[in-house]
Structure formats: C-alpha cells, structure tokens
Protein backbone atom coordinates (compact mmCIF):
# COMPACT_ATOMS: atom_id res chain seq x y z
CA MET A 1 87.01 89.97 78.22
CA LYS A 2 90.24 88.16 79.19
CA PRO A 3 92.61 90.17 81.15
CA LYS A 4 95.83 91.13 79.39
CA LEU A 5 99.12 89.99 80.69
CA SER A 6 102.05 92.49 80.60
CA ASP A 7 104.51 92.37 77.73
CA PHE A 8 107.41 91.04 79.32
CA SER A 9 109.93 92.05 76.28
CA GLU A 10 108.63 95.57 76.09
CA GLU A 11 108.69 96.34 79.84
CA VAL A 12 112.24 94.71 80.22
CA VAL A 13 113.62 96.83 77.26
CA ASN A 14 111.98 100.16 78.72
CA GLY A 15 113.27 99.29 82.24
CA LEU A 16 116.77 98.68 81.13
CA LEU A 17 116.70 102.04 78.83
CA SER A 18 115.61 104.05 81.72
CA ILE A 19 117.91 105.71 84.36
CA PRO A 20 118.34 104.24 86.75
CA LYS A 21 117.72 100.75 85.28
CA LYS A 22 114.91 98.69 86.75
CA ILE A 23 112.73 95.58 86.22
CA SER A 24 109.24 95.01 87.84
CA PRO A 25 109.38 92.24 90.59
CA LYS A 26 106.13 90.83 88.97
CA PHE A 27 108.31 89.34 86.56
CA PHE A 28 110.22 87.15 89.06
CA TYR A 29 107.24 84.82 88.79
CA ASP A 30 107.55 82.69 85.85
CA ASN A 31 107.38 78.96 86.46
CA GLU A 32 111.23 78.67 87.45
CA GLY A 33 110.89 81.85 89.68
CA SER A 34 107.73 80.51 91.32
CA GLN A 35 109.50 77.32 92.36
CA ILE A 36 112.51 79.17 93.60
CA PHE A 37 110.29 81.40 95.69
CA ASP A 38 108.57 78.29 97.28
CA GLU A 39 112.14 77.38 98.46
CA ILE A 40 112.59 80.63 99.70
CA THR A 41 109.49 80.40 102.01
CA LYS A 42 111.03 77.42 103.71
CA LEU A 43 114.44 79.13 104.56
CA PRO A 44 115.12 79.57 108.33
CA GLU A 45 116.12 83.20 107.69
CA TYR A 46 112.76 84.01 105.68
CA TYR A 47 110.34 84.65 108.49
CA LEU A 48 107.44 86.26 106.48
CA THR A 49 105.74 83.13 105.27
CA ARG A 50 105.95 81.33 108.42
CA ALA A 51 104.49 84.21 110.26
CA GLU A 52 101.85 84.62 107.94
CA LEU A 53 100.88 81.01 108.06
CA GLU A 54 100.82 81.08 111.82
CA ILE A 55 98.30 83.78 111.63
CA LEU A 56 96.02 82.02 109.04
CA GLU A 57 96.33 78.81 111.01
CA THR A 58 95.36 79.99 114.34
CA ARG A 59 93.09 82.95 113.35
CA ARG A 60 91.29 82.05 110.23
CA THR A 61 87.97 81.63 111.86
CA ASP A 62 88.22 85.15 113.29
CA ILE A 63 89.45 86.31 109.76
CA GLY A 64 86.41 84.35 108.10
CA ARG A 65 83.96 85.87 110.55
CA VAL A 66 85.20 89.50 109.53
CA ILE A 67 85.06 88.74 105.80
CA GLY A 68 81.61 87.52 106.29
CA ALA A 69 79.28 84.62 105.10
CA ASP A 70 78.42 83.67 101.62
CA ALA A 71 81.30 85.74 99.97
CA THR A 72 83.33 85.23 96.90
CA VAL A 73 86.80 85.58 97.88
CA VAL A 74 89.22 87.11 95.27
CA GLU A 75 92.94 86.24 96.10
CA LEU A 76 95.40 88.23 94.23
CA GLY A 77 98.91 86.75 93.62
CA SER A 78 97.70 83.40 94.87
CA GLY A 79 100.80 81.53 94.07
CA SER A 80 100.69 77.82 95.05
CA GLY A 81 97.19 78.28 96.57
CA GLN A 82 98.29 76.82 100.11
CA LYS A 83 97.52 80.04 101.94
CA GLY A 84 94.22 80.44 100.02
CA LEU A 85 93.42 76.81 101.10
CA LEU A 86 94.21 77.68 104.91
CA LEU A 87 91.99 80.80 104.61
CA LEU A 88 89.09 78.84 102.95
CA LYS A 89 88.93 76.63 106.10
CA GLY A 90 88.00 79.61 108.09
CA LEU A 91 85.21 81.06 105.80
CA ILE A 92 81.54 80.89 106.48
CA ARG A 93 79.76 79.21 103.61
CA PRO A 94 82.15 80.70 100.89
CA LYS A 95 80.35 81.00 97.62
CA GLU A 96 83.54 80.75 95.32
CA LEU A 97 87.16 81.22 95.41
CA VAL A 98 88.88 83.18 92.66
CA PHE A 99 92.66 82.89 92.30
CA VAL A 100 94.55 85.71 90.17
CA ASP A 101 98.16 85.29 89.40
CA ILE A 102 100.56 86.09 86.82
CA SER A 103 101.92 82.48 86.53
CA ILE A 104 99.59 80.01 84.62
CA GLU A 105 101.36 77.17 86.09
CA ALA A 106 100.88 78.32 89.57
CA LEU A 107 97.22 78.92 88.90
CA ARG A 108 96.70 75.30 87.62
CA ASN A 109 98.49 73.99 90.72
CA ALA A 110 96.44 76.23 93.13
CA VAL A 111 92.92 75.35 91.53
CA LYS A 112 93.90 71.58 91.49
CA LEU A 113 95.05 71.90 95.26
CA VAL A 114 91.75 73.58 96.36
CA HIS A 115 89.52 71.07 94.52
CA THR A 116 91.28 68.15 96.19
CA TYR A 117 90.34 69.28 99.72
CA PHE A 118 86.92 71.22 98.74
CA PRO A 119 85.47 69.57 95.65
CA HIS A 120 82.03 71.13 96.52
CA ILE A 121 83.42 74.87 96.49
CA ALA A 122 83.55 76.63 93.20
CA VAL A 123 87.28 77.64 92.30
CA LYS A 124 88.63 79.30 89.27
CA GLY A 125 91.86 80.92 88.11
CA ILE A 126 92.43 83.88 86.26
CA CYS A 127 95.87 84.62 84.69
CA ALA A 128 96.50 88.39 84.85
CA ASP A 129 98.66 91.08 86.06
CA TYR A 130 96.96 91.42 89.46
CA THR A 131 98.84 94.67 90.42
CA SER A 132 96.23 96.39 88.14
CA THR A 133 92.83 96.81 89.84
CA ASP A 134 91.61 97.29 86.26
CA VAL A 135 91.82 93.59 85.83
CA MET A 136 89.23 93.15 88.60
CA GLY A 137 86.86 95.36 86.98
CA GLN A 138 86.77 92.87 84.03
CA MET A 139 86.00 89.97 86.15
CA ASP A 140 82.30 90.79 86.73
CA ILE A 141 81.97 89.05 90.30
CA PRO A 142 78.34 89.42 91.39
CA GLY A 143 77.23 89.30 95.14
CA ARG A 144 79.00 89.80 98.22
CA LYS A 145 82.95 89.64 97.86
CA GLY A 146 86.19 90.04 99.81
CA ILE A 147 89.56 90.87 98.09
CA VAL A 148 92.66 89.14 99.59
CA PHE A 149 96.20 90.32 98.98
CA LEU A 150 98.55 88.19 101.11
CA GLY A 151 102.24 87.70 101.28
CA SER A 152 103.40 91.34 101.86
CA THR A 153 103.28 91.93 98.16
CA ILE A 154 102.01 95.42 98.96
CA GLY A 155 105.26 96.26 100.08
CA ASN A 156 106.71 95.91 96.57
CA MET A 157 104.68 98.93 95.61
CA GLU A 158 105.89 102.48 96.13
CA PRO A 159 103.73 104.05 99.03
CA GLU A 160 101.78 106.22 96.72
CA GLU A 161 101.14 103.15 94.37
CA ALA A 162 100.03 101.23 97.52
CA ARG A 163 97.67 104.05 98.29
CA GLY A 164 96.29 104.01 94.83
CA PHE A 165 95.93 100.12 94.91
CA ILE A 166 94.02 100.42 98.07
CA SER A 167 91.75 103.12 96.82
CA GLY A 168 91.22 101.00 93.69
CA CYS A 169 90.19 98.02 95.58
CA ARG A 170 87.68 100.26 97.56
CA ARG A 171 86.02 101.21 94.37
CA LEU A 172 85.31 97.63 93.68
CA LEU A 173 83.63 96.96 97.00
CA SER A 174 80.33 97.79 98.44
CA ASP A 175 79.23 98.52 101.94
CA GLY A 176 80.26 95.70 104.40
CA GLU A 177 82.73 94.12 101.92
CA THR A 178 86.37 93.61 102.82
CA LEU A 179 89.89 93.98 101.75
CA THR A 180 92.57 91.58 103.60
CA ILE A 181 96.10 92.55 103.30
CA GLY A 182 99.43 91.13 104.65
CA VAL A 183 102.06 93.47 105.74
CA ASP A 184 105.49 93.03 106.88
CA LEU A 185 106.18 95.18 109.98
CA LYS A 186 109.29 97.22 110.68
CA LYS A 187 111.87 95.59 112.85
CA ASP A 188 115.80 95.56 113.18
CA LYS A 189 117.92 95.87 110.09
CA GLU A 190 119.88 92.69 110.85
CA THR A 191 116.63 90.53 110.89
CA LEU A 192 115.48 92.16 107.63
CA GLU A 193 118.74 91.95 105.69
CA ARG A 194 119.32 88.27 106.73
CA ALA A 195 115.79 87.32 105.11
CA TYR A 196 116.93 88.70 101.79
CA ASN A 197 120.45 87.44 101.89
CA ASP A 198 120.17 83.77 102.97
CA SER A 199 123.00 81.57 103.75
CA LYS A 200 122.10 78.90 100.95
CA GLY A 201 121.93 81.78 98.22
CA VAL A 202 118.48 80.96 97.25
CA THR A 203 117.16 84.48 97.31
CA ALA A 204 120.33 85.39 95.05
CA ARG A 205 119.24 82.56 92.55
CA PHE A 206 115.61 83.97 92.62
CA ASN A 207 116.83 87.32 91.77
CA LEU A 208 119.30 86.15 89.13
CA ASN A 209 116.59 84.02 87.59
CA LEU A 210 115.27 87.49 85.89
CA ILE A 211 118.43 87.25 83.81
CA SER A 212 117.90 83.59 82.96
CA ARG A 213 114.30 84.46 82.09
CA ILE A 214 115.56 87.28 79.71
CA ASN A 215 117.97 84.82 78.00
CA ARG A 216 115.14 82.01 77.75
CA GLU A 217 112.39 84.35 76.51
CA LEU A 218 114.24 87.02 74.66
CA GLY A 219 117.48 85.09 73.47
CA ALA A 220 119.85 87.79 75.12
CA GLY A 221 122.69 85.29 75.76
CA ILE A 222 123.95 87.09 78.93
CA PRO A 223 126.74 85.21 80.77
CA GLY A 224 126.07 83.71 84.08
CA ASP A 225 128.76 85.62 85.75
CA ALA A 226 127.54 89.08 84.39
CA PHE A 227 125.52 90.05 87.55
CA ILE A 228 125.53 89.32 91.29
CA HIS A 229 122.66 89.62 93.76
CA LYS A 230 122.58 92.65 96.17
CA ALA A 231 120.01 93.40 98.97
CA PHE A 232 120.01 95.82 101.78
CA TYR A 233 117.81 97.61 104.03
CA ASN A 234 117.36 101.32 103.35
CA GLU A 235 116.58 102.57 106.73
CA SER A 236 115.66 106.12 105.72
CA ARG A 237 112.96 104.99 103.21
CA GLY A 238 111.81 102.08 105.31
CA ARG A 239 112.40 99.37 102.61
CA ILE A 240 114.70 96.48 101.51
CA GLU A 241 116.00 96.97 98.17
CA MET A 242 116.96 94.10 95.75
CA HIS A 243 119.37 94.91 92.82
CA LEU A 244 121.36 92.87 90.14
CA GLN A 245 124.70 94.49 90.00
CA SER A 246 126.88 94.41 86.83
CA THR A 247 130.23 92.81 87.46
CA ARG A 248 131.93 94.63 84.69
CA THR A 249 131.46 97.15 81.72
CA GLN A 250 129.37 95.20 79.31
CA THR A 251 126.83 95.55 76.43
CA PHE A 252 123.92 93.24 75.41
CA LEU A 253 121.54 92.97 72.65
CA ILE A 254 118.05 92.60 74.10
CA ALA A 255 115.07 92.41 71.70
CA GLY A 256 116.85 94.28 69.04
CA ASN A 257 117.94 96.99 71.53
CA GLU A 258 121.49 97.67 72.73
CA ILE A 259 121.75 97.96 76.41
CA ASN A 260 125.02 99.24 78.07
CA PHE A 261 126.16 98.70 81.66
CA GLU A 262 129.07 100.21 83.55
CA LYS A 263 130.96 98.07 86.17
CA GLY A 264 128.91 98.32 89.45
CA GLU A 265 125.80 99.56 87.77
CA THR A 266 122.68 97.88 88.97
CA ILE A 267 119.08 96.88 87.87
CA HIS A 268 116.62 97.91 90.61
CA THR A 269 114.49 94.59 90.72
CA GLU A 270 112.48 95.09 93.99
CA ASN A 271 111.54 97.22 96.90
CA SER A 272 109.93 95.65 99.91
CA TYR A 273 108.62 98.43 102.14
CA LYS A 274 108.10 97.83 105.79
CA TYR A 275 105.32 99.54 107.82
CA SER A 276 104.34 100.30 111.37
CA ILE A 277 100.73 99.39 112.38
CA ASP A 278 99.82 102.84 112.59
CA GLU A 279 101.31 103.77 109.14
CA PHE A 280 99.51 101.14 107.50
CA SER A 281 96.22 101.56 109.21
CA GLY A 282 96.32 105.16 108.23
CA MET A 283 96.68 104.20 104.68
CA LEU A 284 93.49 102.04 104.85
CA LYS A 285 91.52 104.77 106.49
CA ASP A 286 92.74 107.35 103.88
CA GLY A 287 91.66 104.72 101.30
CA GLY A 288 88.05 104.95 102.29
CA PHE A 289 87.81 101.93 104.88
CA ASN A 290 86.01 102.72 108.19
CA ARG A 291 86.70 99.52 110.36
CA ILE A 292 90.18 97.94 110.62
CA THR A 293 90.81 94.63 112.28
CA LEU A 294 94.26 93.12 112.43
CA TRP A 295 96.09 90.06 113.66
CA GLN A 296 99.74 89.63 114.34
CA ASP A 297 102.01 86.33 114.70
CA SER A 298 103.55 85.54 118.00
CA GLY A 299 106.66 87.29 117.30
CA GLN A 300 105.05 90.52 116.21
CA ARG A 301 106.99 90.44 112.94
CA TYR A 302 104.08 90.55 110.69
CA ALA A 303 100.26 91.60 110.28
CA LEU A 304 97.14 90.70 108.56
CA PHE A 305 94.77 93.66 108.12
CA THR A 306 91.09 93.11 107.19
CA ALA A 307 89.45 96.58 106.36
CA THR A 308 85.71 96.87 105.96
CA ILE A 309 83.78 99.50 104.39
C-alpha cells in the first residue's frame, strides 16, 4: 500500500481558519522550498547543517558501529541525500538505504546521488509524510533496521508530539535496533535568532515561499507584499518561532474559503525546539530506549543521539 501524502489544500484551509492561524512546516518543502532550504544550509549564520556534517564526517564509523552490521537504514526527511550518503560511508555492510521524504524531486535526486557513489547498494525512495510513524508501518522492512532522523526536524514537533514520535519509532524496532536523531542544543539567544534571520534574507524567502506555494497550487492570488517574515527565540518555551505577519487588514479566497487577516496577525509556520542533552536523553529513555550514545560537534552546538533498544 502506497503511503498517502497530506492534502495540502485541506490542511492549509483548516490551519488558516483556526485560532491562532497556523500552517505545518512540512509544507515548506515543495521543490522550490527544498532548493531555498539548501541555500539556507550554506549561510554563515546557519550553523546547524555544518555542525551535523562535522559529526557525520568525523564520527560516521562510530555511528555505523552503534547502528550495527547488515542493517537496512531508513532515513526520514532525507532531503538532498547528502547526509545519508555520508552516513552510508560509515555503515558496516548496509543491506539497503530507504529514503523517505515529502518532496518527490528531492527523493529522485537523493536516490540518484547514492547510486552514483554506491551502485552496489540497494537504495529506494518513498514519497510520504514522514512525520507519521503509520507510514513506516506500511513499508514492510524485513530484517535488522535502524531509523535515522537528521537535521533537527524533531525540534519542529511539540514536545509531546516528539515523545509520541519517539515511542512510535520504538514500537517499530526490535531488540538491538536503533533510532538516530539530530538535535539542536540550547544556546545563547543571539546565535539562535541570527540563524533564522540571516543577512541575505534567504530564510525570509523560505518562509514566504509558503504564500507562493498557496498561490501556485491553490490559485489564491495573494500579493507579494501581504506578509513579512518574523522569527524570534521564545526563551520561556525553549523554541525559535517562525511566523508570517500580515502587513494590513486583508481578506483572501483560498480553495473557496474566505480567510480574513487583521493587520499584524500572524500565521505560525514553525517551531524549532532546542534541548539540553539531559532533556533529550530523558525523552529517549522515557520512549523505551535503554542505551544512548551521543556525539557533539566541536562547538558543542548540536548533537546526534543514537538510542538502542
């Protein structure tokens, strides 16, 4: 059974009719959004990707040893496949690499990339909403497996959702199998806010691409100056918040539904929770994982956790 993609129109309309207004960050990653995000990862202010790549480049053999030999590795939210390729270099006799992503174009590129360097290893892509562990239940992956969830995407979930996700992954794994998750660590407010408000405005363009996507796919006709990008660190909740803020009082017709905005009203498009090592280790233990190994980058800004049952 092929995993079902989320209904963009339905979720957008329901989110914009809710109070407060919101759109899931999973919808950032259409073809255009995925390309813009690749630009973000190269920005000097955006440390996350560099920190994670440093860990994957220097500790991949250690990570592969913990994941274990002869495993099928399932990478959720694989994007361009660059990080999966790095991880693959450290795996011991990997049986298969399975990419799961919501962007079909990103999947095609990821599979092609790995085939170029490792033509002898089986690679496949599954286009699906990887935030749902139900999707993995439909994949029918036999034998030893390791689930990999890189890029700090776990931070986009509410803490209770993240706990549910971890528990859901645990139910799909057997004794000795692993879950590897990238986590952005708590740090000073200035560094965090600079990462989401870069000087070139690329992150703003990434956020505003949601409006462009609504126009492209739902024919909304929203003017280019109707919203501005807003991102800040909510210290009391330990998260970066991203919003699209309405520049004026305005009304739009989206998929046959009238959506009203007051001036200054926002669409909440993303949270990015930051965790301490103790906080996230506790979540993994609460989720049923017994052994936890972690690696940090040289700046101690980011961590990769591999949790084993």
